[in-house]
Amino acid sequence: MRIFLYFLVYFLIPQICWTHQYLPIDRIPDWKLKNDGNIGPSYGQPEQIRISYGGDPSVSFVTWQTFDDTLQSIVEYGSDWKFLNQSVLGRCSVFLDRNKNSVWRYIHRANLTALVPGQTYYYHVGSEHGWSPIYFFTALKERRNDGGGYIYAVYGDLGVENGRSLGTIQKMAQRGELDMVLHVGDFAYNMDESNGETGDEFLRQIEPISAYIPYMATVGNHEYFNNFTHFVNRFTMPNSDHNLFYSYDLGHAHFVVFSTEFYFWTQWGFHQIKHQFDWLIEDLKKANENRKNVPWIITMGHRPMYCSDFDGDDCTKYESIIRTGLPLTHGYGLEKLFYEYGVDIELWAHEHSYERLWPVYNRTVYNGTHLPYTNPPAPVHIITGSAGCRENTDVFVEHPPPWSAVRSTDYGFGIMRIYNSTHLNFKEINVAQGGTEDDDFWVVKTSEKHHRPFKHRDLKKLRTYGTHVPDKYCHHHSHCPMEKKKKRTRRQQHHF
């Protein structure tokens, strides 16, 4: 049976695969063929348990892993930890990542349905060959007793080594202080390393979070290996078989998750960019049609359009690829698309720092009023990519450009709370300084009519009270090519 599966995975299933290939339910594993009750799977203990939002508060996905085929994939659950009286039978897929010495990983998935929002459930996963500890989760329901809405931990760039924010987030998840995690790209550093053992260790490390609250994932550049195969196979996201782009509604917000990596890892074809871009248009159209019910539109992509870090990343360029599209053609640019469909908040990571921007569109910065985040005429960008990894935090330029409002180079993560249709709060928690807050600000839409595509009057408002940053604009003489040239000329004259 194992030889047959090897042939199936390596030859019949395409190398670039965007769907989970489940094993036949009536399969007979090698150990079962021996027809000996004393023989079972060698490695049947479940691990790396993680739950994710199923696209509806009554649905949760449960994913876990074994290193052998246990034949059954079971979740037992109930409202009393001593009496897990309900069970769901899931499905299992083999994951071989095509590393030189690929490890056989069995990824198990089960869907819990008809959950009662607000009710706490206890559960464990596994089979007769091994069970996980008993965990608990609360089916998602808006908070009522302390202001309403949902609370999200928001961060990117969390690794196995030096995961500085990990302990704080684990504690908050278990105490019920968070409803969901939004991980905006870059996991483990890297999941494929050491034949995937780094990915295994990362998923063990986040289990004290992901076993208790939904862990929602966005692909980043550190997931590039073999067309993002670890990301595709290890996670289970709603409304998608591949996790690379998907969307869902929760409370007052529509979340749009997409891959910035298609623009940079083009060796697997440009069709991925077009496929995603067409999907984004359709999804944003539907989201705007439903804005009366779900007013906020929030996007999540790993590499930002703008940043003030002292490196050569895309966001430091005048015409960043994510913002303006592919070089020369400017095809599939995202800034204009998101503006035309009225995206409210754009969440990013990649830069190992925290940066909050003034509302900005087409390098025109809305920073000339005393209430820039009240009915802003452009999207609000937030970069939070310093959760902690083996790489250092990034350094900012000494004199940041006008779009930069608040910056921090310490390790930390964001807490976003969407209270209702009009008020959204974001805080950046500095774990390097013992949990102090680097930032705390509100985005306010005074009425639901301000949740809409941006229009000509918004552009007029933006230009009237904003600052435009043209191609050759110099925000400080130290960044001016002409100034530098003059200094060099003066030095040369003095030398001679």
Protein backbone atom coordinates (compact mmCIF):
# COMPACT_ATOMS: atom_id res chain seq x y z
CA MET A 1 0.00 0.00 0.00
CA ARG A 2 2.82 2.41 0.88
CA ILE A 3 4.49 1.77 -2.51
CA PHE A 4 1.18 2.55 -4.21
CA LEU A 5 0.84 5.80 -2.25
CA TYR A 6 4.40 6.78 -3.13
CA PHE A 7 3.60 6.24 -6.83
CA LEU A 8 0.35 8.21 -6.45
CA VAL A 9 1.95 11.21 -4.75
CA TYR A 10 5.08 11.42 -6.90
CA PHE A 11 3.79 10.55 -10.34
CA LEU A 12 0.03 10.82 -10.63
CA ILE A 13 -0.47 13.94 -8.51
CA PRO A 14 1.08 16.99 -10.21
CA GLN A 15 4.09 18.51 -8.52
CA ILE A 16 2.37 21.87 -8.22
CA CYS A 17 -0.84 20.92 -6.45
CA TRP A 18 -3.30 23.37 -4.95
CA THR A 19 -5.73 20.86 -3.45
CA HIS A 20 -5.54 18.46 -0.55
CA GLN A 21 -5.37 14.91 -1.92
CA TYR A 22 -7.24 12.71 0.56
CA LEU A 23 -6.52 9.00 0.92
CA PRO A 24 -9.26 6.53 -0.02
CA ILE A 25 -11.55 5.77 2.91
CA ASP A 26 -11.40 2.03 2.13
CA ARG A 27 -7.58 1.92 2.02
CA ILE A 28 -5.69 -0.82 3.81
CA PRO A 29 -2.42 0.38 5.43
CA ASP A 30 0.65 -1.87 5.41
CA TRP A 31 0.28 -2.72 9.09
CA LYS A 32 -3.35 -3.78 8.52
CA LEU A 33 -2.37 -6.14 5.71
CA LYS A 34 -0.50 -8.31 8.21
CA ASN A 35 -3.81 -9.19 9.87
CA ASP A 36 -2.17 -9.35 13.28
CA GLY A 37 -3.87 -7.66 16.23
CA ASN A 38 -0.47 -7.06 17.82
CA ILE A 39 0.64 -4.87 14.92
CA GLY A 40 -0.53 -1.32 14.40
CA PRO A 41 0.90 1.95 13.09
CA SER A 42 4.41 2.62 14.36
CA TYR A 43 3.77 6.35 14.95
CA GLY A 44 0.10 6.94 15.65
CA GLN A 45 0.31 9.70 18.26
CA PRO A 46 -1.41 12.92 17.06
CA GLU A 47 0.39 16.24 17.44
CA GLN A 48 0.43 19.81 16.11
CA ILE A 49 -3.27 20.35 16.80
CA ARG A 50 -4.70 23.53 15.33
CA ILE A 51 -8.20 24.86 14.82
CA SER A 52 -9.27 27.38 12.22
CA TYR A 53 -12.40 29.32 11.48
CA GLY A 54 -14.73 27.55 9.08
CA GLY A 55 -16.23 30.68 7.52
CA ASP A 56 -19.24 30.59 9.85
CA PRO A 57 -19.34 30.79 13.67
CA SER A 58 -21.02 27.39 13.74
CA VAL A 59 -18.13 25.69 11.90
CA SER A 60 -14.55 24.99 12.99
CA PHE A 61 -11.83 23.06 11.19
CA VAL A 62 -9.49 20.85 13.22
CA THR A 63 -6.15 19.82 11.72
CA TRP A 64 -3.43 17.61 13.16
CA GLN A 65 -0.57 15.33 12.14
CA THR A 66 0.75 11.81 12.66
CA PHE A 67 3.81 10.11 11.21
CA ASP A 68 1.95 6.96 10.23
CA ASP A 69 -1.43 6.07 8.79
CA THR A 70 -3.87 5.58 11.68
CA LEU A 71 -6.69 4.73 9.24
CA GLN A 72 -9.18 6.82 11.22
CA SER A 73 -9.12 10.56 11.95
CA ILE A 74 -11.48 11.26 14.85
CA VAL A 75 -12.46 14.32 16.89
CA GLU A 76 -14.38 13.58 20.08
CA TYR A 77 -15.92 16.63 21.74
CA GLY A 78 -18.59 17.85 24.13
CA SER A 79 -19.52 20.53 26.65
CA ASP A 80 -18.08 18.49 29.56
CA TRP A 81 -14.42 17.42 29.48
CA LYS A 82 -15.33 14.20 31.28
CA PHE A 83 -18.02 13.33 28.76
CA LEU A 84 -16.99 13.85 25.14
CA ASN A 85 -20.26 12.53 23.77
CA GLN A 86 -20.00 13.76 20.16
CA SER A 87 -17.59 12.63 17.48
CA VAL A 88 -16.69 13.49 13.90
CA LEU A 89 -14.78 11.33 11.47
CA GLY A 90 -12.37 13.33 9.33
CA ARG A 91 -10.12 12.65 6.35
CA CYS A 92 -6.38 12.11 5.98
CA SER A 93 -3.88 13.06 3.28
CA VAL A 94 -0.24 12.16 2.74
CA PHE A 95 2.20 15.02 2.56
CA LEU A 96 5.57 14.43 0.87
CA ASP A 97 7.29 17.77 0.31
CA ARG A 98 9.85 16.53 -2.31
CA ASN A 99 12.82 17.31 -0.11
CA LYS A 100 15.78 15.04 -0.75
CA ASN A 101 14.74 12.79 2.14
CA SER A 102 11.01 13.46 2.29
CA VAL A 103 9.32 12.47 5.53
CA TRP A 104 5.94 10.75 5.35
CA ARG A 105 3.49 13.06 7.09
CA TYR A 106 -0.18 12.26 7.50
CA ILE A 107 -2.32 15.40 7.75
CA HIS A 108 -5.73 14.84 9.34
CA ARG A 109 -8.66 17.23 8.92
CA ALA A 110 -12.13 17.21 10.44
CA ASN A 111 -15.00 19.70 10.33
CA LEU A 112 -17.04 20.46 13.42
CA THR A 113 -20.45 21.77 12.41
CA ALA A 114 -23.65 22.92 14.15
CA LEU A 115 -21.60 24.52 16.92
CA VAL A 116 -23.46 26.92 19.20
CA PRO A 117 -21.79 30.36 19.14
CA GLY A 118 -20.54 31.30 22.58
CA GLN A 119 -20.52 27.73 23.90
CA THR A 120 -17.28 26.19 25.14
CA TYR A 121 -16.38 22.75 23.83
CA TYR A 122 -13.79 20.30 25.09
CA TYR A 123 -12.17 18.01 22.56
CA HIS A 124 -9.35 15.69 21.70
CA VAL A 125 -8.20 14.20 18.41
CA GLY A 126 -6.74 10.92 17.26
CA SER A 127 -7.75 7.28 17.00
CA GLU A 128 -7.47 4.05 18.94
CA HIS A 129 -3.73 4.26 18.22
CA GLY A 130 -3.23 7.53 20.13
CA TRP A 131 -5.14 10.53 21.51
CA SER A 132 -4.10 14.11 22.08
CA PRO A 133 -4.59 15.90 25.40
CA ILE A 134 -8.05 17.37 25.96
CA TYR A 135 -8.23 20.99 24.83
CA PHE A 136 -11.10 23.46 24.75
CA PHE A 137 -12.34 26.25 22.51
CA THR A 138 -15.32 28.58 22.47
CA ALA A 139 -17.36 28.79 19.29
CA LEU A 140 -17.00 32.35 18.04
CA LYS A 141 -19.51 34.89 19.26
CA GLU A 142 -19.25 38.66 19.61
CA ARG A 143 -18.20 39.88 23.03
CA ARG A 144 -21.06 41.58 24.86
CA ASN A 145 -19.91 42.28 28.39
CA ASP A 146 -16.86 44.48 27.69
CA GLY A 147 -17.62 46.54 24.62
CA GLY A 148 -18.50 44.05 21.92
CA GLY A 149 -16.81 42.80 18.79
CA TYR A 150 -13.87 40.42 18.33
CA ILE A 151 -10.23 40.64 19.43
CA TYR A 152 -7.45 39.55 17.06
CA ALA A 153 -3.73 39.02 17.60
CA VAL A 154 -2.05 40.31 14.43
CA TYR A 155 1.55 39.59 13.51
CA GLY A 156 3.94 38.11 10.98
CA ASP A 157 7.44 36.69 10.91
CA LEU A 158 7.35 34.31 13.87
CA GLY A 159 10.05 31.65 13.90
CA VAL A 160 11.06 28.58 15.86
CA GLU A 161 14.17 30.39 17.11
CA ASN A 162 13.77 33.56 19.15
CA GLY A 163 9.96 33.57 18.99
CA ARG A 164 9.85 36.50 21.40
CA SER A 165 6.08 37.04 21.32
CA LEU A 166 5.13 33.39 21.65
CA GLY A 167 4.69 33.15 25.43
CA THR A 168 2.55 36.28 25.70
CA ILE A 169 0.24 35.17 22.90
CA GLN A 170 -0.04 31.64 24.36
CA LYS A 171 -1.11 33.05 27.73
CA MET A 172 -3.62 35.46 26.19
CA ALA A 173 -5.16 32.70 24.05
CA GLN A 174 -5.61 30.36 27.01
CA ARG A 175 -7.08 33.12 29.20
CA GLY A 176 -9.73 33.97 26.62
CA GLU A 177 -8.24 37.41 25.91
CA LEU A 178 -8.10 36.69 22.18
CA ASP A 179 -10.69 35.39 19.75
CA MET A 180 -8.43 34.68 16.77
CA VAL A 181 -4.86 34.91 15.47
CA LEU A 182 -4.11 36.57 12.12
CA HIS A 183 -0.59 35.43 11.16
CA VAL A 184 0.40 37.61 8.20
CA GLY A 185 3.09 35.43 6.63
CA ASP A 186 6.49 33.87 7.41
CA PHE A 187 6.34 30.82 9.63
CA ALA A 188 9.04 28.83 11.44
CA TYR A 189 12.02 30.02 9.31
CA ASN A 190 11.47 27.77 7.44
CA MET A 191 8.87 25.02 7.51
CA ASP A 192 10.73 23.00 4.88
CA GLU A 193 14.12 23.11 6.65
CA SER A 194 15.67 19.89 8.04
CA ASN A 195 13.29 17.82 5.90
CA GLY A 196 10.34 19.65 7.39
CA GLU A 197 11.31 19.12 11.03
CA THR A 198 11.45 22.89 11.56
CA GLY A 199 7.83 23.10 10.43
CA ASP A 200 6.88 20.30 12.81
CA GLU A 201 8.56 22.07 15.70
CA PHE A 202 6.88 25.38 14.85
CA LEU A 203 3.42 23.82 14.82
CA ARG A 204 4.18 22.19 18.18
CA GLN A 205 5.21 25.57 19.57
CA ILE A 206 2.01 27.31 18.47
CA GLU A 207 -0.22 24.44 19.65
CA PRO A 208 -0.75 26.21 23.03
CA ILE A 209 -2.38 28.93 20.90
CA SER A 210 -3.85 27.12 17.92
CA ALA A 211 -5.54 24.37 19.95
CA TYR A 212 -7.60 27.01 21.78
CA ILE A 213 -8.44 29.71 19.22
CA PRO A 214 -8.58 29.82 15.40
CA TYR A 215 -5.16 30.32 13.83
CA MET A 216 -5.59 32.02 10.45
CA ALA A 217 -2.63 32.01 8.06
CA THR A 218 -1.29 34.18 5.22
CA VAL A 219 1.52 32.96 2.97
CA GLY A 220 4.90 34.74 3.09
CA ASN A 221 8.22 34.60 1.30
CA HIS A 222 9.68 32.08 3.77
CA GLU A 223 7.05 29.57 2.56
CA TYR A 224 8.36 29.65 -1.05
CA PHE A 225 9.75 26.07 -1.14
CA ASN A 226 8.27 23.97 -3.95
CA ASN A 227 5.50 26.45 -4.71
CA PHE A 228 4.51 26.94 -1.06
CA THR A 229 3.85 23.24 -0.56
CA HIS A 230 4.24 23.26 3.24
CA PHE A 231 1.82 26.14 3.56
CA VAL A 232 -0.73 24.51 1.26
CA ASN A 233 -0.58 21.14 2.97
CA ARG A 234 -0.20 22.02 6.64
CA PHE A 235 -3.02 24.57 7.04
CA THR A 236 -6.78 24.43 6.54
CA MET A 237 -8.41 27.77 5.70
CA PRO A 238 -12.06 28.48 4.79
CA ASN A 239 -13.40 28.73 1.25
CA SER A 240 -10.16 27.41 -0.25
CA ASP A 241 -8.42 24.13 -1.04
CA HIS A 242 -4.98 25.77 -1.16
CA ASN A 243 -4.98 28.50 1.55
CA LEU A 244 -3.06 30.90 -0.72
CA PHE A 245 -5.96 33.31 -1.19
CA TYR A 246 -9.35 33.16 0.48
CA SER A 247 -11.85 35.35 2.31
CA TYR A 248 -14.38 35.12 5.11
CA ASP A 249 -16.78 37.22 7.12
CA LEU A 250 -16.69 37.49 10.89
CA GLY A 251 -18.86 39.96 12.73
CA HIS A 252 -18.59 43.39 11.11
CA ALA A 253 -15.52 42.55 9.00
CA HIS A 254 -14.81 40.91 5.68
CA PHE A 255 -11.23 39.58 5.62
CA VAL A 256 -9.43 39.20 2.29
CA VAL A 257 -6.26 37.10 2.45
CA PHE A 258 -3.96 36.97 -0.56
CA SER A 259 -0.44 36.08 -1.69
CA THR A 260 2.07 38.83 -2.38
CA GLU A 261 4.53 36.07 -3.21
CA PHE A 262 3.08 35.34 -6.64
CA TYR A 263 4.64 38.64 -7.76
CA PHE A 264 8.15 37.57 -6.76
CA TRP A 265 8.35 33.77 -7.17
CA THR A 266 7.31 33.78 -10.82
CA GLN A 267 9.13 30.59 -11.81
CA TRP A 268 5.85 28.72 -11.31
CA GLY A 269 4.08 30.88 -13.87
CA PHE A 270 2.37 34.24 -14.15
CA HIS A 271 -1.03 32.56 -14.32
CA GLN A 272 -1.05 32.51 -10.51
CA ILE A 273 -1.01 36.32 -10.41
CA LYS A 274 -3.84 36.61 -12.92
CA HIS A 275 -5.91 33.91 -11.24
CA GLN A 276 -5.62 35.64 -7.88
CA PHE A 277 -6.23 39.14 -9.30
CA ASP A 278 -9.43 38.02 -11.04
CA TRP A 279 -10.54 36.39 -7.79
CA LEU A 280 -9.79 39.59 -5.84
CA ILE A 281 -11.99 41.65 -8.17
CA GLU A 282 -14.93 39.28 -7.79
CA ASP A 283 -14.50 38.95 -4.05
CA LEU A 284 -14.29 42.72 -3.49
CA LYS A 285 -17.35 43.26 -5.68
CA LYS A 286 -19.38 40.85 -3.53
CA ALA A 287 -18.00 42.37 -0.34
CA ASN A 288 -19.16 45.84 -1.39
CA GLU A 289 -22.60 44.52 -2.27
CA ASN A 290 -22.82 43.16 1.28
CA ARG A 291 -21.43 46.21 3.07
CA LYS A 292 -24.71 47.02 4.77
CA ASN A 293 -24.33 43.76 6.71
CA VAL A 294 -20.49 43.53 6.86
CA PRO A 295 -19.10 47.08 6.57
CA TRP A 296 -15.35 46.74 7.23
CA ILE A 297 -13.10 45.33 4.49
CA ILE A 298 -9.66 44.28 5.74
CA THR A 299 -6.91 42.85 3.54
CA MET A 300 -3.94 40.73 4.62
CA GLY A 301 -0.83 40.31 2.48
CA HIS A 302 2.73 39.66 3.56
CA ARG A 303 4.86 42.27 1.72
CA PRO A 304 3.73 45.89 2.20
CA MET A 305 3.27 48.61 -0.38
CA TYR A 306 4.97 51.27 1.73
CA CYS A 307 7.57 51.18 4.50
CA SER A 308 10.36 53.26 5.99
CA ASP A 309 12.86 50.53 6.77
CA PHE A 310 16.52 50.82 5.89
CA ASP A 311 16.74 47.91 3.47
CA GLY A 312 16.20 47.24 -0.20
CA ASP A 313 12.80 45.59 0.05
CA ASP A 314 10.04 46.25 -2.46
CA CYS A 315 8.22 48.69 -0.16
CA THR A 316 11.20 51.06 -0.12
CA LYS A 317 10.96 51.61 -3.89
CA TYR A 318 9.08 54.51 -5.47
CA GLU A 319 7.10 52.10 -7.65
CA SER A 320 6.83 49.05 -5.43
CA ILE A 321 5.60 45.99 -7.29
CA ILE A 322 2.80 45.27 -4.83
CA ARG A 323 1.59 48.85 -5.10
CA THR A 324 1.91 49.57 -8.83
CA GLY A 325 2.09 46.11 -10.38
CA LEU A 326 4.62 44.16 -12.39
CA PRO A 327 7.66 46.05 -13.73
CA LEU A 328 7.24 47.92 -17.03
CA THR A 329 3.65 46.76 -17.64
CA HIS A 330 2.28 47.79 -14.22
CA GLY A 331 -0.07 44.86 -14.54
CA TYR A 332 -2.03 43.58 -11.53
CA GLY A 333 -1.18 46.50 -9.23
CA LEU A 334 -3.05 46.28 -5.93
CA GLU A 335 -3.16 49.84 -4.60
CA LYS A 336 -5.59 51.16 -7.21
CA LEU A 337 -7.73 48.03 -6.94
CA PHE A 338 -8.02 48.27 -3.15
CA TYR A 339 -8.77 51.98 -3.35
CA GLU A 340 -11.51 51.59 -5.94
CA TYR A 341 -13.23 48.97 -3.79
CA GLY A 342 -12.90 50.94 -0.56
CA VAL A 343 -10.63 48.71 1.52
CA ASP A 344 -10.54 50.17 5.05
CA ILE A 345 -7.50 48.51 6.64
CA GLU A 346 -4.48 46.84 5.00
CA LEU A 347 -2.47 44.53 7.28
CA TRP A 348 1.12 43.67 6.33
CA ALA A 349 4.28 42.13 7.79
CA HIS A 350 7.65 41.12 6.19
CA GLU A 351 9.48 44.13 7.65
CA HIS A 352 10.72 43.09 11.09
CA SER A 353 9.33 46.19 12.71
CA TYR A 354 6.08 47.95 13.50
CA GLU A 355 4.90 50.88 11.45
CA ARG A 356 1.58 52.66 11.30
CA LEU A 357 0.97 54.85 8.28
CA TRP A 358 -1.18 57.90 7.84
CA PRO A 359 -4.01 57.20 5.39
CA VAL A 360 -2.32 57.12 2.00
CA TYR A 361 -3.09 56.55 -1.66
CA ASN A 362 -0.79 56.93 -4.63
CA ARG A 363 1.88 58.45 -2.37
CA THR A 364 -0.49 61.21 -1.23
CA VAL A 365 -0.49 61.24 2.56
CA TYR A 366 -3.51 62.41 4.57
CA ASN A 367 -1.71 64.05 7.48
CA GLY A 368 -2.96 67.63 7.43
CA THR A 369 -5.93 67.42 9.82
CA HIS A 370 -6.27 66.77 13.55
CA LEU A 371 -8.51 63.69 12.97
CA PRO A 372 -6.83 61.82 10.10
CA TYR A 373 -8.31 58.41 11.05
CA THR A 374 -11.91 59.64 11.26
CA ASN A 375 -13.56 58.91 7.92
CA PRO A 376 -10.15 58.76 6.21
CA PRO A 377 -10.23 59.31 2.43
CA ALA A 378 -7.76 56.46 1.87
CA PRO A 379 -6.90 53.05 3.34
CA VAL A 380 -4.95 52.75 6.60
CA HIS A 381 -1.82 50.56 6.35
CA ILE A 382 -0.38 48.72 9.37
CA ILE A 383 2.88 46.74 9.26
CA THR A 384 3.47 44.35 12.17
CA GLY A 385 6.24 41.90 11.32
CA SER A 386 8.29 41.69 14.49
CA ALA A 387 6.83 38.75 16.41
CA GLY A 388 10.31 37.25 16.71
CA CYS A 389 12.59 35.05 14.63
CA ARG A 390 16.24 34.18 14.09
CA GLU A 391 16.73 37.37 12.06
CA ASN A 392 17.14 40.74 13.74
CA THR A 393 14.55 43.47 13.79
CA ASP A 394 14.82 45.98 10.94
CA VAL A 395 16.25 49.48 11.21
CA PHE A 396 14.29 52.51 10.04
CA VAL A 397 15.71 55.27 7.90
CA GLU A 398 16.85 58.18 10.04
CA HIS A 399 14.35 60.61 8.52
CA PRO A 400 11.23 58.66 7.46
CA PRO A 401 9.01 59.87 4.61
CA PRO A 402 5.72 61.69 5.30
CA TRP A 403 3.52 58.58 5.25
CA SER A 404 5.13 57.18 8.42
CA ALA A 405 3.15 58.02 11.58
CA VAL A 406 4.48 55.66 14.29
CA ARG A 407 7.45 53.26 14.28
CA SER A 408 9.04 50.68 16.58
CA THR A 409 12.01 48.36 16.05
CA ASP A 410 11.32 46.21 19.13
CA TYR A 411 9.85 42.70 19.03
CA GLY A 412 6.09 42.64 19.50
CA PHE A 413 2.69 41.99 17.97
CA GLY A 414 -0.58 43.76 17.30
CA ILE A 415 -3.97 43.55 18.99
CA MET A 416 -6.86 44.61 16.78
CA ARG A 417 -10.37 44.92 18.09
CA ILE A 418 -13.32 45.59 15.84
CA TYR A 419 -15.97 46.83 18.25
CA ASN A 420 -18.79 47.51 15.81
CA SER A 421 -19.51 48.97 12.39
CA THR A 422 -17.96 52.35 13.25
CA HIS A 423 -15.02 51.79 15.63
CA LEU A 424 -11.82 49.78 15.22
CA ASN A 425 -8.90 49.92 17.65
CA PHE A 426 -5.31 48.78 17.10
CA LYS A 427 -2.55 48.42 19.68
CA GLU A 428 1.06 47.30 19.24
CA ILE A 429 2.35 45.33 22.23
CA ASN A 430 6.09 45.65 22.87
CA VAL A 431 7.24 42.33 24.36
CA ALA A 432 10.85 43.51 24.46
CA GLN A 433 9.80 46.17 26.98
CA GLY A 434 7.63 43.93 29.13
CA GLY A 435 4.31 44.36 27.36
CA THR A 436 4.16 48.14 27.08
CA GLU A 437 2.18 49.65 24.21
CA ASP A 438 4.11 51.20 21.34
CA ASP A 439 0.92 52.40 19.71
CA ASP A 440 -2.80 52.72 20.39
CA PHE A 441 -5.09 54.34 17.84
CA TRP A 442 -8.64 54.25 16.50
CA VAL A 443 -10.06 54.17 13.00
CA VAL A 444 -13.55 55.65 13.09
CA LYS A 445 -16.26 55.67 10.48
CA THR A 446 -18.92 58.01 11.83
CA SER A 447 -21.65 56.16 9.96
CA GLU A 448 -22.04 53.09 7.81
CA LYS A 449 -22.24 55.25 4.67
CA HIS A 450 -18.51 55.89 4.99
CA HIS A 451 -17.84 52.19 4.33
CA ARG A 452 -17.83 52.32 0.55
CA PRO A 453 -15.52 52.56 -2.48
CA PHE A 454 -13.44 55.72 -2.36
CA LYS A 455 -14.68 58.34 -4.80
CA HIS A 456 -13.64 61.62 -6.42
CA ARG A 457 -14.57 63.64 -3.34
CA ASP A 458 -12.22 61.46 -1.28
CA LEU A 459 -9.39 62.18 -3.71
CA LYS A 460 -10.15 65.90 -3.47
CA LYS A 461 -10.10 65.73 0.33
CA LEU A 462 -6.88 63.72 0.23
CA ARG A 463 -5.16 66.23 -2.05
CA THR A 464 -6.46 69.26 -0.17
CA TYR A 465 -5.29 68.18 3.28
CA GLY A 466 -2.54 65.76 2.29
CA THR A 467 1.08 65.72 1.22
CA HIS A 468 2.01 64.30 -2.15
CA VAL A 469 5.35 62.50 -2.39
CA PRO A 470 6.51 62.78 -6.02
CA ASP A 471 9.19 60.73 -7.70
CA LYS A 472 12.05 63.12 -6.94
CA TYR A 473 10.71 64.39 -3.62
CA CYS A 474 13.39 64.60 -0.93
CA HIS A 475 11.99 64.36 2.60
CA HIS A 476 15.42 65.09 4.10
CA HIS A 477 18.61 66.41 2.53
CA SER A 478 20.46 63.26 3.63
CA HIS A 479 18.26 61.29 1.22
CA CYS A 480 18.63 63.71 -1.68
CA PRO A 481 20.79 62.44 -4.56
CA MET A 482 21.57 66.04 -5.57
CA GLU A 483 22.57 66.98 -2.03
CA LYS A 484 24.84 63.95 -1.82
CA LYS A 485 26.34 64.86 -5.19
CA LYS A 486 27.03 68.42 -3.99
CA LYS A 487 28.68 67.09 -0.82
CA ARG A 488 30.91 64.78 -2.84
CA THR A 489 31.83 67.67 -5.15
CA ARG A 490 32.74 69.89 -2.18
CA ARG A 491 34.86 67.10 -0.69
CA GLN A 492 36.65 66.62 -3.99
CA GLN A 493 37.33 70.35 -4.34
CA HIS A 494 38.63 70.50 -0.77
CA HIS A 495 40.86 67.48 -1.43
CA PHE A 496 42.46 69.06 -4.49
